């Protein structure tokens, strides 16, 4: 029991900021959703945009926590904030050309979804990327270059125009982490996808 409580406390402590808290939004008040995103991703070296019913978002958060990484989380379904989650989502979609969540940023740079996170891990560059972004205390390996500069992780260079909402431009291998179908968001075009 004590071990479970200890584990839960350490996992909970890994989360840095949730954007749907009133104080977080007051601290990040900006003139536009795009400005808000810029400030949020700058203030949080690791930033994740998603929603509660998304299994891929849950997996991405668990992945960050397993690495001991601190991250900011923004629920794009929250309509009680300024800007609203939907306004933030539309700005993210316009900026990143990705209409799926999770929408993950490291060091102020958009890297993609869960597949991009897994690709950084499988290439051995995730720990260095997390450290370079200031999400962890120290790297397990020294980066030889910017660990997030891989052009295959930049959707503006090779986006998938299939309209499927897939994060397929980052990884063509099957998603071995997902055990359930993606959820859709309340009638909008934001899909939960890897």
C-alpha atoms as a PDB file:
ATOM      1  CA  UNK A   1       0.000   0.000   0.000  1.00  0.00           C
ATOM      2  CA  UNK A   2       2.754   2.457   0.937  1.00  0.00           C
ATOM      3  CA  UNK A   3       4.568   1.598  -2.282  1.00  0.00           C
ATOM      4  CA  UNK A   4       1.424   2.328  -4.320  1.00  0.00           C
ATOM      5  CA  UNK A   5       0.914   5.667  -2.591  1.00  0.00           C
ATOM      6  CA  UNK A   6       4.576   6.547  -3.093  1.00  0.00           C
ATOM      7  CA  UNK A   7       4.361   5.668  -6.800  1.00  0.00           C
ATOM      8  CA  UNK A   8       1.157   7.663  -7.209  1.00  0.00           C
ATOM      9  CA  UNK A   9       2.696  10.699  -5.512  1.00  0.00           C
ATOM     10  CA  UNK A  10       5.805  10.569  -7.679  1.00  0.00           C
ATOM     11  CA  UNK A  11       3.717  10.240 -10.847  1.00  0.00           C
ATOM     12  CA  UNK A  12       1.469  13.100  -9.783  1.00  0.00           C
ATOM     13  CA  UNK A  13       4.475  15.296  -9.008  1.00  0.00           C
ATOM     14  CA  UNK A  14       5.713  14.858 -12.585  1.00  0.00           C
ATOM     15  CA  UNK A  15       2.948  17.095 -13.970  1.00  0.00           C
ATOM     16  CA  UNK A  16       3.977  20.739 -14.060  1.00  0.00           C
ATOM     17  CA  UNK A  17       0.934  22.724 -15.136  1.00  0.00           C
ATOM     18  CA  UNK A  18      -2.593  22.019 -16.303  1.00  0.00           C
ATOM     19  CA  UNK A  19      -3.926  24.768 -18.511  1.00  0.00           C
ATOM     20  CA  UNK A  20      -7.519  24.431 -17.407  1.00  0.00           C
ATOM     21  CA  UNK A  21      -6.695  25.803 -13.966  1.00  0.00           C
ATOM     22  CA  UNK A  22      -7.782  29.427 -13.631  1.00  0.00           C
ATOM     23  CA  UNK A  23      -4.425  30.514 -12.205  1.00  0.00           C
ATOM     24  CA  UNK A  24      -2.543  28.949 -15.127  1.00  0.00           C
ATOM     25  CA  UNK A  25      -4.700  30.798 -17.628  1.00  0.00           C
ATOM     26  CA  UNK A  26      -4.344  34.090 -15.743  1.00  0.00           C
ATOM     27  CA  UNK A  27      -0.572  33.613 -15.774  1.00  0.00           C
ATOM     28  CA  UNK A  28      -0.644  32.878 -19.513  1.00  0.00           C
ATOM     29  CA  UNK A  29      -3.167  35.538 -20.552  1.00  0.00           C
ATOM     30  CA  UNK A  30      -2.363  36.537 -24.117  1.00  0.00           C
ATOM     31  CA  UNK A  31      -4.029  38.464 -26.904  1.00  0.00           C
ATOM     32  CA  UNK A  32      -4.717  35.448 -29.126  1.00  0.00           C
ATOM     33  CA  UNK A  33      -4.828  31.644 -28.911  1.00  0.00           C
ATOM     34  CA  UNK A  34      -1.635  31.537 -30.998  1.00  0.00           C
ATOM     35  CA  UNK A  35       0.149  33.845 -28.540  1.00  0.00           C
ATOM     36  CA  UNK A  36      -1.161  31.704 -25.685  1.00  0.00           C
ATOM     37  CA  UNK A  37       0.245  28.545 -27.315  1.00  0.00           C
ATOM     38  CA  UNK A  38       3.618  30.235 -27.853  1.00  0.00           C
ATOM     39  CA  UNK A  39       3.809  31.275 -24.205  1.00  0.00           C
ATOM     40  CA  UNK A  40       2.533  27.917 -22.882  1.00  0.00           C
ATOM     41  CA  UNK A  41       5.015  25.892 -24.954  1.00  0.00           C
ATOM     42  CA  UNK A  42       7.854  28.264 -24.023  1.00  0.00           C
ATOM     43  CA  UNK A  43       7.014  28.200 -20.299  1.00  0.00           C
ATOM     44  CA  UNK A  44       6.682  24.400 -20.319  1.00  0.00           C
ATOM     45  CA  UNK A  45       9.666  22.714 -21.955  1.00  0.00           C
ATOM     46  CA  UNK A  46       7.445  19.697 -22.482  1.00  0.00           C
ATOM     47  CA  UNK A  47       3.867  20.561 -23.427  1.00  0.00           C
ATOM     48  CA  UNK A  48       1.016  18.249 -24.291  1.00  0.00           C
ATOM     49  CA  UNK A  49      -2.381  19.229 -25.689  1.00  0.00           C
ATOM     50  CA  UNK A  50      -5.152  16.640 -25.508  1.00  0.00           C
ATOM     51  CA  UNK A  51      -8.405  15.686 -23.841  1.00  0.00           C
ATOM     52  CA  UNK A  52      -9.547  13.357 -21.085  1.00  0.00           C
ATOM     53  CA  UNK A  53     -11.172  10.632 -23.219  1.00  0.00           C
ATOM     54  CA  UNK A  54      -8.158  10.121 -25.480  1.00  0.00           C
ATOM     55  CA  UNK A  55      -6.249   6.904 -24.802  1.00  0.00           C
ATOM     56  CA  UNK A  56      -3.231   8.147 -26.801  1.00  0.00           C
ATOM     57  CA  UNK A  57      -3.104  11.300 -24.659  1.00  0.00           C
ATOM     58  CA  UNK A  58      -3.212   9.139 -21.535  1.00  0.00           C
ATOM     59  CA  UNK A  59      -0.357   7.046 -22.944  1.00  0.00           C
ATOM     60  CA  UNK A  60       1.717  10.141 -23.764  1.00  0.00           C
ATOM     61  CA  UNK A  61       1.209  11.528 -20.235  1.00  0.00           C
ATOM     62  CA  UNK A  62       2.138   8.141 -18.738  1.00  0.00           C
ATOM     63  CA  UNK A  63       5.208   8.023 -20.991  1.00  0.00           C
ATOM     64  CA  UNK A  64       6.382  11.457 -19.774  1.00  0.00           C
ATOM     65  CA  UNK A  65       5.733  10.432 -16.175  1.00  0.00           C
ATOM     66  CA  UNK A  66       7.669   7.168 -16.608  1.00  0.00           C
ATOM     67  CA  UNK A  67      10.646   9.273 -17.738  1.00  0.00           C
ATOM     68  CA  UNK A  68      10.274  11.560 -14.708  1.00  0.00           C
ATOM     69  CA  UNK A  69       9.568  14.447 -17.077  1.00  0.00           C
ATOM     70  CA  UNK A  70       7.686  17.542 -15.965  1.00  0.00           C
ATOM     71  CA  UNK A  71       5.183  18.742 -18.545  1.00  0.00           C
ATOM     72  CA  UNK A  72       2.394  21.209 -19.097  1.00  0.00           C
ATOM     73  CA  UNK A  73      -0.976  19.767 -20.090  1.00  0.00           C
ATOM     74  CA  UNK A  74      -3.795  21.635 -21.824  1.00  0.00           C
ATOM     75  CA  UNK A  75      -7.273  20.108 -22.141  1.00  0.00           C
ATOM     76  CA  UNK A  76      -8.604  21.245 -25.528  1.00  0.00           C
ATOM     77  CA  UNK A  77     -12.166  20.478 -24.435  1.00  0.00           C
ATOM     78  CA  UNK A  78     -12.174  23.071 -21.658  1.00  0.00           C
ATOM     79  CA  UNK A  79     -14.592  25.852 -22.593  1.00  0.00           C
ATOM     80  CA  UNK A  80     -14.283  27.736 -19.296  1.00  0.00           C
ATOM     81  CA  UNK A  81     -10.890  29.270 -20.053  1.00  0.00           C
ATOM     82  CA  UNK A  82      -9.697  32.254 -22.062  1.00  0.00           C
ATOM     83  CA  UNK A  83      -8.805  31.361 -24.712  1.00  0.00           C
ATOM     84  CA  UNK A  84     -11.094  28.334 -24.793  1.00  0.00           C
ATOM     85  CA  UNK A  85      -9.779  24.864 -25.471  1.00  0.00           C
ATOM     86  CA  UNK A  86     -11.539  24.879 -28.842  1.00  0.00           C
ATOM     87  CA  UNK A  87      -9.833  28.159 -29.799  1.00  0.00           C
ATOM     88  CA  UNK A  88      -6.494  26.678 -28.736  1.00  0.00           C
ATOM     89  CA  UNK A  89      -7.192  23.523 -30.756  1.00  0.00           C
ATOM     90  CA  UNK A  90      -8.037  25.519 -33.912  1.00  0.00           C
ATOM     91  CA  UNK A  91      -4.825  27.547 -33.517  1.00  0.00           C
ATOM     92  CA  UNK A  92      -2.818  24.334 -33.004  1.00  0.00           C
ATOM     93  CA  UNK A  93      -4.377  22.767 -36.098  1.00  0.00           C
ATOM     94  CA  UNK A  94      -3.580  25.853 -38.174  1.00  0.00           C
ATOM     95  CA  UNK A  95      -0.038  26.074 -36.838  1.00  0.00           C
ATOM     96  CA  UNK A  96       0.941  22.389 -36.945  1.00  0.00           C
ATOM     97  CA  UNK A  97      -1.313  20.990 -39.700  1.00  0.00           C
ATOM     98  CA  UNK A  98      -2.178  18.167 -37.299  1.00  0.00           C
ATOM     99  CA  UNK A  99      -5.839  17.623 -36.438  1.00  0.00           C
ATOM    100  CA  UNK A 100      -5.224  14.866 -33.919  1.00  0.00           C
ATOM    101  CA  UNK A 101      -4.177  14.697 -30.304  1.00  0.00           C
ATOM    102  CA  UNK A 102      -1.959  14.366 -28.436  1.00  0.00           C
ATOM    103  CA  UNK A 103      -0.199  17.401 -29.816  1.00  0.00           C
ATOM    104  CA  UNK A 104       3.290  17.299 -28.253  1.00  0.00           C
ATOM    105  CA  UNK A 105       5.930  20.041 -28.006  1.00  0.00           C
ATOM    106  CA  UNK A 106       9.510  19.776 -26.700  1.00  0.00           C
ATOM    107  CA  UNK A 107      11.663  22.829 -26.125  1.00  0.00           C
ATOM    108  CA  UNK A 108       9.107  25.079 -27.826  1.00  0.00           C
ATOM    109  CA  UNK A 109       9.120  22.925 -30.974  1.00  0.00           C
ATOM    110  CA  UNK A 110       6.192  20.863 -32.203  1.00  0.00           C
ATOM    111  CA  UNK A 111       7.262  17.223 -32.581  1.00  0.00           C
ATOM    112  CA  UNK A 112       3.940  15.537 -33.444  1.00  0.00           C
ATOM    113  CA  UNK A 113       1.863  12.963 -31.624  1.00  0.00           C
ATOM    114  CA  UNK A 114       2.494   9.780 -29.691  1.00  0.00           C
ATOM    115  CA  UNK A 115       4.237   8.162 -32.673  1.00  0.00           C
ATOM    116  CA  UNK A 116       6.794  10.995 -32.748  1.00  0.00           C
ATOM    117  CA  UNK A 117       7.443  10.557 -29.034  1.00  0.00           C
ATOM    118  CA  UNK A 118       7.951   6.821 -29.540  1.00  0.00           C
ATOM    119  CA  UNK A 119      10.221   7.472 -32.530  1.00  0.00           C
ATOM    120  CA  UNK A 120      12.468   9.707 -30.411  1.00  0.00           C
ATOM    121  CA  UNK A 121      12.573   6.953 -27.772  1.00  0.00           C
ATOM    122  CA  UNK A 122      13.359   4.160 -30.247  1.00  0.00           C
ATOM    123  CA  UNK A 123      16.130   6.262 -31.830  1.00  0.00           C
ATOM    124  CA  UNK A 124      17.694   6.779 -28.391  1.00  0.00           C
ATOM    125  CA  UNK A 125      17.217  10.565 -28.524  1.00  0.00           C
ATOM    126  CA  UNK A 126      14.251  11.088 -26.191  1.00  0.00           C
ATOM    127  CA  UNK A 127      16.186  11.373 -22.912  1.00  0.00           C
ATOM    128  CA  UNK A 128      18.484  14.009 -24.431  1.00  0.00           C
ATOM    129  CA  UNK A 129      15.506  15.852 -25.956  1.00  0.00           C
ATOM    130  CA  UNK A 130      13.712  15.907 -22.592  1.00  0.00           C
ATOM    131  CA  UNK A 131      16.847  17.186 -20.861  1.00  0.00           C
ATOM    132  CA  UNK A 132      17.492  19.810 -23.553  1.00  0.00           C
ATOM    133  CA  UNK A 133      13.889  21.008 -23.169  1.00  0.00           C
ATOM    134  CA  UNK A 134      14.373  21.290 -19.400  1.00  0.00           C
ATOM    135  CA  UNK A 135      11.823  18.585 -18.607  1.00  0.00           C
ATOM    136  CA  UNK A 136      14.179  16.385 -16.618  1.00  0.00           C
ATOM    137  CA  UNK A 137      17.012  17.077 -14.217  1.00  0.00           C
ATOM    138  CA  UNK A 138      19.792  15.608 -16.299  1.00  0.00           C
ATOM    139  CA  UNK A 139      20.218  13.717 -19.563  1.00  0.00           C
ATOM    140  CA  UNK A 140      21.196  10.091 -19.718  1.00  0.00           C
ATOM    141  CA  UNK A 141      23.166  10.855 -22.870  1.00  0.00           C
ATOM    142  CA  UNK A 142      24.688  14.059 -24.178  1.00  0.00           C
ATOM    143  CA  UNK A 143      23.032  15.231 -27.379  1.00  0.00           C
ATOM    144  CA  UNK A 144      25.431  15.675 -30.291  1.00  0.00           C
ATOM    145  CA  UNK A 145      22.931  17.937 -32.047  1.00  0.00           C
ATOM    146  CA  UNK A 146      19.442  19.280 -31.453  1.00  0.00           C
ATOM    147  CA  UNK A 147      17.546  16.071 -30.619  1.00  0.00           C
ATOM    148  CA  UNK A 148      14.275  17.498 -31.942  1.00  0.00           C
ATOM    149  CA  UNK A 149      15.673  18.672 -35.285  1.00  0.00           C
ATOM    150  CA  UNK A 150      14.954  15.421 -37.159  1.00  0.00           C
ATOM    151  CA  UNK A 151      13.119  16.540 -40.343  1.00  0.00           C
ATOM    152  CA  UNK A 152      10.893  13.455 -40.213  1.00  0.00           C
ATOM    153  CA  UNK A 153       9.413  14.843 -36.986  1.00  0.00           C
ATOM    154  CA  UNK A 154       8.443  18.152 -38.620  1.00  0.00           C
ATOM    155  CA  UNK A 155       4.968  17.911 -40.141  1.00  0.00           C
ATOM    156  CA  UNK A 156       5.538  21.043 -42.223  1.00  0.00           C
ATOM    157  CA  UNK A 157       8.173  19.211 -44.271  1.00  0.00           C
ATOM    158  CA  UNK A 158       6.352  15.937 -44.891  1.00  0.00           C
ATOM    159  CA  UNK A 159       2.735  16.185 -43.740  1.00  0.00           C
ATOM    160  CA  UNK A 160       0.191  13.513 -44.417  1.00  0.00           C
ATOM    161  CA  UNK A 161      -2.511  15.072 -46.556  1.00  0.00           C
ATOM    162  CA  UNK A 162      -4.690  11.978 -46.430  1.00  0.00           C
ATOM    163  CA  UNK A 163      -7.189  13.754 -44.192  1.00  0.00           C
ATOM    164  CA  UNK A 164      -7.396  10.654 -42.039  1.00  0.00           C
ATOM    165  CA  UNK A 165      -6.220  12.511 -38.960  1.00  0.00           C
ATOM    166  CA  UNK A 166      -3.355  10.056 -38.682  1.00  0.00           C
ATOM    167  CA  UNK A 167       0.069  10.842 -37.357  1.00  0.00           C
ATOM    168  CA  UNK A 168       1.422   8.468 -40.023  1.00  0.00           C
ATOM    169  CA  UNK A 169       4.079  10.889 -41.286  1.00  0.00           C
ATOM    170  CA  UNK A 170       6.093  10.187 -38.157  1.00  0.00           C
ATOM    171  CA  UNK A 171       6.040   6.410 -38.004  1.00  0.00           C
ATOM    172  CA  UNK A 172       4.774   3.798 -40.441  1.00  0.00           C
ATOM    173  CA  UNK A 173       5.042   0.954 -37.945  1.00  0.00           C
ATOM    174  CA  UNK A 174       1.905  -0.319 -36.201  1.00  0.00           C
ATOM    175  CA  UNK A 175       1.138   1.303 -32.866  1.00  0.00           C
ATOM    176  CA  UNK A 176       2.132  -1.338 -30.334  1.00  0.00           C
ATOM    177  CA  UNK A 177       0.968   0.738 -27.348  1.00  0.00           C
ATOM    178  CA  UNK A 178      -2.629   1.320 -28.353  1.00  0.00           C
ATOM    179  CA  UNK A 179      -5.097  -1.337 -27.285  1.00  0.00           C
ATOM    180  CA  UNK A 180      -8.278   0.537 -28.097  1.00  0.00           C
ATOM    181  CA  UNK A 181      -9.897   2.550 -30.836  1.00  0.00           C
ATOM    182  CA  UNK A 182      -9.309   6.299 -30.827  1.00  0.00           C
ATOM    183  CA  UNK A 183     -12.036   8.515 -29.380  1.00  0.00           C
ATOM    184  CA  UNK A 184     -13.501  11.507 -31.164  1.00  0.00           C
ATOM    185  CA  UNK A 185     -14.038  14.908 -29.592  1.00  0.00           C
ATOM    186  CA  UNK A 186     -17.610  16.049 -29.035  1.00  0.00           C
ATOM    187  CA  UNK A 187     -18.597  16.551 -32.656  1.00  0.00           C
ATOM    188  CA  UNK A 188     -15.548  18.547 -33.702  1.00  0.00           C
ATOM    189  CA  UNK A 189     -12.836  17.440 -36.080  1.00  0.00           C
ATOM    190  CA  UNK A 190     -10.219  16.874 -33.363  1.00  0.00           C
ATOM    191  CA  UNK A 191      -9.501  13.178 -33.161  1.00  0.00           C
ATOM    192  CA  UNK A 192      -7.549  11.212 -30.641  1.00  0.00           C
ATOM    193  CA  UNK A 193      -4.841   9.481 -32.611  1.00  0.00           C
ATOM    194  CA  UNK A 194      -1.299   8.373 -32.170  1.00  0.00           C
END
